[in-house]
């Protein structure tokens, strides 16, 4: 998380810089999604058609401060392109689906409590 040192002081004119300071671990992302969904990561991670995995990858991309390759390595995905595709697919889905958008919002709020 070298970027934290580069950020410096946050001012009202630069609200986007706040996001660089607020990183969570990928384990914390999984834990929050498990809690919100009410089932373990191992149960939905490889389930065909389940968007839980995409949700985790999307949240990890937004809040972990990791590259696509690092996210892929952490979650056992060989190609960073697969992570990128999943994140883009989920971004498109939340534009159309209120339930998914609500889940993202709830997870992000919960992650604010576990930030490092």
N, C-alpha and C. Protein backbone atom coordinates (compact mmCIF):
# COMPACT_ATOMS: atom_id res chain seq x y z
N UNK A 1 0.81 -1.17 0.00
CA UNK A 1 0.00 0.00 0.00
C UNK A 1 0.87 1.26 0.00
N UNK A 2 1.80 1.32 -0.92
CA UNK A 2 2.68 2.46 -1.04
C UNK A 2 1.91 3.75 -1.29
N UNK A 3 0.77 3.63 -1.95
CA UNK A 3 0.00 4.81 -2.34
C UNK A 3 -0.46 5.62 -1.14
N UNK A 4 -0.65 4.97 0.01
CA UNK A 4 -1.08 5.71 1.19
C UNK A 4 -0.10 6.83 1.53
N UNK A 5 1.17 6.58 1.36
CA UNK A 5 2.18 7.58 1.66
C UNK A 5 2.20 8.72 0.65
N UNK A 6 1.74 8.46 -0.55
CA UNK A 6 1.76 9.48 -1.60
C UNK A 6 0.58 10.44 -1.48
N UNK A 7 -0.44 10.07 -0.77
CA UNK A 7 -1.67 10.84 -0.75
C UNK A 7 -1.51 12.18 -0.05
N UNK A 8 -0.89 12.18 1.10
CA UNK A 8 -0.75 13.42 1.84
C UNK A 8 -2.05 13.84 2.48
N UNK A 9 -2.19 15.13 2.74
CA UNK A 9 -3.37 15.66 3.40
C UNK A 9 -4.56 15.70 2.45
N UNK A 10 -5.72 15.34 2.98
CA UNK A 10 -6.95 15.34 2.19
C UNK A 10 -7.67 16.66 2.42
N UNK A 11 -8.08 17.28 1.33
CA UNK A 11 -8.82 18.53 1.45
C UNK A 11 -10.20 18.35 0.83
N UNK A 12 -11.07 19.31 1.07
CA UNK A 12 -12.43 19.24 0.53
C UNK A 12 -12.42 19.30 -1.00
N UNK A 13 -11.39 19.88 -1.57
CA UNK A 13 -11.31 20.01 -3.01
C UNK A 13 -10.92 18.70 -3.68
N UNK A 14 -10.46 17.73 -2.90
CA UNK A 14 -10.00 16.46 -3.45
C UNK A 14 -10.64 15.28 -2.72
N UNK A 15 -11.97 15.16 -2.77
CA UNK A 15 -12.63 14.08 -2.03
C UNK A 15 -12.28 12.68 -2.52
N UNK A 16 -11.90 12.53 -3.78
CA UNK A 16 -11.57 11.20 -4.30
C UNK A 16 -10.32 10.63 -3.64
N UNK A 17 -9.46 11.48 -3.09
CA UNK A 17 -8.25 11.00 -2.44
C UNK A 17 -8.57 10.22 -1.18
N UNK A 18 -9.75 10.41 -0.61
CA UNK A 18 -10.14 9.68 0.58
C UNK A 18 -10.13 8.18 0.30
N UNK A 19 -10.56 7.78 -0.89
CA UNK A 19 -10.63 6.37 -1.23
C UNK A 19 -9.27 5.69 -1.19
N UNK A 20 -8.20 6.43 -1.51
CA UNK A 20 -6.87 5.84 -1.47
C UNK A 20 -6.45 5.50 -0.05
N UNK A 21 -6.97 6.21 0.91
CA UNK A 21 -6.60 5.95 2.30
C UNK A 21 -7.36 4.77 2.89
N UNK A 22 -8.50 4.45 2.33
CA UNK A 22 -9.37 3.46 2.92
C UNK A 22 -9.25 2.13 2.18
N UNK A 23 -8.35 1.29 2.60
CA UNK A 23 -8.17 -0.02 1.99
C UNK A 23 -8.56 -1.10 2.99
N UNK A 24 -9.08 -2.18 2.46
CA UNK A 24 -9.40 -3.34 3.28
C UNK A 24 -8.69 -4.55 2.67
N UNK A 25 -8.55 -5.59 3.43
CA UNK A 25 -7.93 -6.81 2.92
C UNK A 25 -8.95 -7.60 2.10
N UNK A 26 -8.49 -8.41 1.18
CA UNK A 26 -9.43 -9.24 0.42
C UNK A 26 -10.19 -10.21 1.34
N UNK A 27 -9.56 -10.65 2.41
CA UNK A 27 -10.25 -11.50 3.38
C UNK A 27 -11.42 -10.77 4.01
N UNK A 28 -11.24 -9.47 4.27
CA UNK A 28 -12.33 -8.67 4.85
C UNK A 28 -13.46 -8.52 3.85
N UNK A 29 -13.14 -8.38 2.57
CA UNK A 29 -14.18 -8.30 1.54
C UNK A 29 -15.00 -9.58 1.53
N UNK A 30 -14.31 -10.71 1.53
CA UNK A 30 -15.00 -12.01 1.52
C UNK A 30 -15.88 -12.15 2.76
N UNK A 31 -15.35 -11.75 3.90
CA UNK A 31 -16.10 -11.87 5.15
C UNK A 31 -17.39 -11.03 5.12
N UNK A 32 -17.29 -9.81 4.60
CA UNK A 32 -18.47 -8.94 4.51
C UNK A 32 -19.50 -9.53 3.56
N UNK A 33 -19.06 -10.02 2.41
CA UNK A 33 -20.00 -10.59 1.44
C UNK A 33 -20.64 -11.86 2.02
N UNK A 34 -19.86 -12.68 2.68
CA UNK A 34 -20.42 -13.88 3.33
C UNK A 34 -21.50 -13.48 4.33
N UNK A 35 -21.22 -12.48 5.12
CA UNK A 35 -22.17 -12.01 6.13
C UNK A 35 -23.45 -11.51 5.48
N UNK A 36 -23.33 -10.71 4.45
CA UNK A 36 -24.50 -10.14 3.78
C UNK A 36 -25.32 -11.19 3.04
N UNK A 37 -24.64 -12.17 2.47
CA UNK A 37 -25.34 -13.22 1.72
C UNK A 37 -25.85 -14.34 2.62
N UNK A 38 -25.23 -14.50 3.77
CA UNK A 38 -25.65 -15.56 4.67
C UNK A 38 -25.16 -16.94 4.28
N UNK A 39 -24.09 -17.01 3.52
CA UNK A 39 -23.49 -18.29 3.17
C UNK A 39 -21.99 -18.12 2.98
N UNK A 40 -21.28 -19.22 3.10
CA UNK A 40 -19.81 -19.19 3.03
C UNK A 40 -19.32 -19.01 1.60
N UNK A 41 -18.16 -18.38 1.47
CA UNK A 41 -17.51 -18.16 0.18
C UNK A 41 -17.37 -19.48 -0.57
N UNK A 42 -16.97 -20.53 0.13
CA UNK A 42 -16.76 -21.83 -0.52
C UNK A 42 -18.04 -22.38 -1.15
N UNK A 43 -19.19 -21.96 -0.65
CA UNK A 43 -20.46 -22.43 -1.19
C UNK A 43 -20.85 -21.73 -2.49
N UNK A 44 -20.49 -20.46 -2.65
CA UNK A 44 -20.93 -19.74 -3.84
C UNK A 44 -19.81 -19.33 -4.79
N UNK A 45 -18.57 -19.51 -4.41
CA UNK A 45 -17.44 -19.04 -5.23
C UNK A 45 -17.42 -19.66 -6.62
N UNK A 46 -17.73 -20.92 -6.72
CA UNK A 46 -17.67 -21.60 -8.01
C UNK A 46 -19.03 -22.05 -8.52
N UNK A 47 -20.09 -21.55 -7.91
CA UNK A 47 -21.45 -21.91 -8.33
C UNK A 47 -21.79 -21.22 -9.64
N UNK A 48 -22.14 -22.00 -10.63
CA UNK A 48 -22.46 -21.45 -11.96
C UNK A 48 -23.66 -20.52 -11.87
N UNK A 49 -23.52 -19.33 -12.44
CA UNK A 49 -24.60 -18.37 -12.48
C UNK A 49 -24.76 -17.51 -11.24
N UNK A 50 -23.97 -17.76 -10.23
CA UNK A 50 -24.07 -16.98 -8.99
C UNK A 50 -23.19 -15.74 -9.12
N UNK A 51 -23.74 -14.58 -8.83
CA UNK A 51 -23.00 -13.32 -8.98
C UNK A 51 -22.21 -12.94 -7.73
N UNK A 52 -22.18 -13.80 -6.73
CA UNK A 52 -21.43 -13.51 -5.51
C UNK A 52 -19.94 -13.38 -5.75
N UNK A 53 -19.41 -14.22 -6.60
CA UNK A 53 -17.98 -14.16 -6.92
C UNK A 53 -17.64 -12.83 -7.60
N UNK A 54 -18.47 -12.42 -8.54
CA UNK A 54 -18.26 -11.15 -9.23
C UNK A 54 -18.35 -9.98 -8.26
N UNK A 55 -19.27 -10.07 -7.30
CA UNK A 55 -19.40 -9.04 -6.27
C UNK A 55 -18.11 -8.93 -5.48
N UNK A 56 -17.55 -10.05 -5.07
CA UNK A 56 -16.30 -10.04 -4.30
C UNK A 56 -15.17 -9.44 -5.12
N UNK A 57 -15.05 -9.84 -6.38
CA UNK A 57 -13.99 -9.30 -7.23
C UNK A 57 -14.16 -7.80 -7.45
N UNK A 58 -15.40 -7.37 -7.66
CA UNK A 58 -15.70 -5.94 -7.84
C UNK A 58 -15.32 -5.14 -6.60
N UNK A 59 -15.72 -5.63 -5.43
CA UNK A 59 -15.41 -4.92 -4.19
C UNK A 59 -13.91 -4.94 -3.91
N UNK A 60 -13.27 -6.05 -4.21
CA UNK A 60 -11.81 -6.13 -4.01
C UNK A 60 -11.10 -5.12 -4.90
N UNK A 61 -11.56 -4.98 -6.12
CA UNK A 61 -10.96 -4.01 -7.04
C UNK A 61 -11.15 -2.58 -6.54
N UNK A 62 -12.31 -2.30 -6.00
CA UNK A 62 -12.60 -0.95 -5.53
C UNK A 62 -11.94 -0.62 -4.20
N UNK A 63 -11.79 -1.59 -3.31
CA UNK A 63 -11.41 -1.25 -1.94
C UNK A 63 -10.12 -1.86 -1.41
N UNK A 64 -9.48 -2.75 -2.15
CA UNK A 64 -8.29 -3.41 -1.62
C UNK A 64 -6.97 -2.77 -2.04
N UNK A 65 -7.00 -1.89 -3.02
CA UNK A 65 -5.76 -1.28 -3.47
C UNK A 65 -4.84 -2.27 -4.15
N UNK A 66 -5.41 -3.28 -4.77
CA UNK A 66 -4.63 -4.32 -5.43
C UNK A 66 -4.80 -4.23 -6.95
N UNK A 67 -3.80 -4.73 -7.67
CA UNK A 67 -3.91 -4.81 -9.12
C UNK A 67 -4.81 -5.98 -9.49
N UNK A 68 -5.23 -6.01 -10.73
CA UNK A 68 -6.04 -7.13 -11.21
C UNK A 68 -5.30 -8.45 -11.06
N UNK A 69 -4.00 -8.44 -11.33
CA UNK A 69 -3.19 -9.65 -11.19
C UNK A 69 -3.14 -10.12 -9.74
N UNK A 70 -2.96 -9.18 -8.83
CA UNK A 70 -2.92 -9.52 -7.40
C UNK A 70 -4.25 -10.08 -6.93
N UNK A 71 -5.33 -9.50 -7.39
CA UNK A 71 -6.66 -10.01 -7.04
C UNK A 71 -6.82 -11.43 -7.59
N UNK A 72 -6.43 -11.62 -8.84
CA UNK A 72 -6.51 -12.94 -9.45
C UNK A 72 -5.70 -13.97 -8.69
N UNK A 73 -4.48 -13.62 -8.31
CA UNK A 73 -3.64 -14.54 -7.55
C UNK A 73 -4.28 -14.88 -6.21
N UNK A 74 -4.82 -13.90 -5.54
CA UNK A 74 -5.42 -14.13 -4.23
C UNK A 74 -6.60 -15.09 -4.32
N UNK A 75 -7.42 -14.92 -5.36
CA UNK A 75 -8.64 -15.72 -5.49
C UNK A 75 -8.46 -16.93 -6.41
N UNK A 76 -7.24 -17.20 -6.83
CA UNK A 76 -6.98 -18.39 -7.64
C UNK A 76 -7.44 -18.30 -9.07
N UNK A 77 -7.40 -17.10 -9.62
CA UNK A 77 -7.79 -16.88 -11.01
C UNK A 77 -6.51 -16.63 -11.80
N UNK A 78 -6.26 -17.46 -12.79
CA UNK A 78 -4.98 -17.44 -13.49
C UNK A 78 -4.72 -16.17 -14.29
N UNK A 79 -5.73 -15.63 -14.94
CA UNK A 79 -5.54 -14.49 -15.81
C UNK A 79 -6.17 -13.22 -15.24
N UNK A 80 -5.41 -12.13 -15.26
CA UNK A 80 -5.95 -10.85 -14.80
C UNK A 80 -7.11 -10.40 -15.68
N UNK A 81 -7.10 -10.84 -16.94
CA UNK A 81 -8.16 -10.47 -17.87
C UNK A 81 -9.52 -11.02 -17.41
N UNK A 82 -9.49 -12.19 -16.79
CA UNK A 82 -10.73 -12.78 -16.28
C UNK A 82 -11.28 -11.94 -15.13
N UNK A 83 -10.39 -11.42 -14.29
CA UNK A 83 -10.80 -10.55 -13.20
C UNK A 83 -11.39 -9.27 -13.78
N UNK A 84 -10.72 -8.70 -14.75
CA UNK A 84 -11.19 -7.48 -15.39
C UNK A 84 -12.57 -7.67 -16.02
N UNK A 85 -12.75 -8.77 -16.72
CA UNK A 85 -14.04 -9.06 -17.35
C UNK A 85 -15.15 -9.20 -16.31
N UNK A 86 -14.85 -9.90 -15.21
CA UNK A 86 -15.85 -10.09 -14.16
C UNK A 86 -16.23 -8.76 -13.53
N UNK A 87 -15.24 -7.91 -13.29
CA UNK A 87 -15.51 -6.60 -12.69
C UNK A 87 -16.36 -5.75 -13.63
N UNK A 88 -16.00 -5.72 -14.90
CA UNK A 88 -16.77 -4.94 -15.88
C UNK A 88 -18.19 -5.48 -16.03
N UNK A 89 -18.32 -6.80 -16.05
CA UNK A 89 -19.63 -7.42 -16.16
C UNK A 89 -20.51 -7.05 -14.97
N UNK A 90 -19.90 -7.04 -13.77
CA UNK A 90 -20.67 -6.70 -12.58
C UNK A 90 -21.02 -5.22 -12.55
N UNK A 91 -20.10 -4.36 -13.01
CA UNK A 91 -20.40 -2.93 -13.09
C UNK A 91 -21.60 -2.68 -14.00
N UNK A 92 -21.65 -3.38 -15.12
CA UNK A 92 -22.79 -3.25 -16.04
C UNK A 92 -24.07 -3.76 -15.39
N UNK A 93 -23.95 -4.83 -14.62
CA UNK A 93 -25.13 -5.42 -13.98
C UNK A 93 -25.71 -4.51 -12.91
N UNK A 94 -24.86 -3.83 -12.14
CA UNK A 94 -25.40 -2.99 -11.08
C UNK A 94 -26.06 -1.73 -11.63
N UNK A 95 -25.76 -1.38 -12.86
CA UNK A 95 -26.44 -0.26 -13.50
C UNK A 95 -27.92 -0.58 -13.70
N UNK A 96 -28.22 -1.86 -13.93
CA UNK A 96 -29.57 -2.28 -14.27
C UNK A 96 -30.33 -2.92 -13.11
N UNK A 97 -29.61 -3.48 -12.15
CA UNK A 97 -30.23 -4.29 -11.10
C UNK A 97 -30.19 -3.59 -9.74
N UNK A 98 -31.35 -3.23 -9.24
CA UNK A 98 -31.45 -2.51 -7.97
C UNK A 98 -30.97 -3.36 -6.80
N UNK A 99 -31.28 -4.65 -6.81
CA UNK A 99 -30.87 -5.54 -5.71
C UNK A 99 -29.35 -5.64 -5.62
N UNK A 100 -28.69 -5.75 -6.74
CA UNK A 100 -27.23 -5.82 -6.75
C UNK A 100 -26.63 -4.49 -6.29
N UNK A 101 -27.21 -3.41 -6.76
CA UNK A 101 -26.73 -2.08 -6.37
C UNK A 101 -26.89 -1.89 -4.86
N UNK A 102 -28.00 -2.34 -4.31
CA UNK A 102 -28.24 -2.25 -2.86
C UNK A 102 -27.22 -3.10 -2.10
N UNK A 103 -26.93 -4.30 -2.61
CA UNK A 103 -25.96 -5.18 -1.96
C UNK A 103 -24.57 -4.53 -1.94
N UNK A 104 -24.18 -3.91 -3.05
CA UNK A 104 -22.89 -3.22 -3.11
C UNK A 104 -22.85 -2.11 -2.07
N UNK A 105 -23.90 -1.33 -2.00
CA UNK A 105 -23.94 -0.23 -1.05
C UNK A 105 -23.83 -0.74 0.39
N UNK A 106 -24.57 -1.79 0.71
CA UNK A 106 -24.52 -2.36 2.05
C UNK A 106 -23.13 -2.90 2.38
N UNK A 107 -22.51 -3.57 1.42
CA UNK A 107 -21.16 -4.11 1.65
C UNK A 107 -20.14 -2.99 1.84
N UNK A 108 -20.24 -1.94 1.04
CA UNK A 108 -19.31 -0.82 1.18
C UNK A 108 -19.47 -0.14 2.54
N UNK A 109 -20.71 0.00 2.99
CA UNK A 109 -20.94 0.59 4.31
C UNK A 109 -20.35 -0.30 5.41
N UNK A 110 -20.51 -1.59 5.27
CA UNK A 110 -19.97 -2.52 6.26
C UNK A 110 -18.44 -2.49 6.25
N UNK A 111 -17.85 -2.35 5.07
CA UNK A 111 -16.39 -2.33 4.98
C UNK A 111 -15.79 -1.07 5.60
N UNK A 112 -16.56 0.00 5.68
CA UNK A 112 -16.06 1.20 6.35
C UNK A 112 -15.73 0.92 7.80
N UNK A 113 -16.39 -0.07 8.39
CA UNK A 113 -16.15 -0.43 9.78
C UNK A 113 -14.88 -1.25 9.97
N UNK A 114 -14.38 -1.89 8.90
CA UNK A 114 -13.21 -2.77 9.03
C UNK A 114 -11.97 -2.24 8.33
N UNK A 115 -11.98 -0.99 7.90
CA UNK A 115 -10.85 -0.44 7.16
C UNK A 115 -9.59 -0.43 8.00
N UNK A 116 -8.48 -0.60 7.31
CA UNK A 116 -7.18 -0.59 7.98
C UNK A 116 -6.47 0.72 7.77
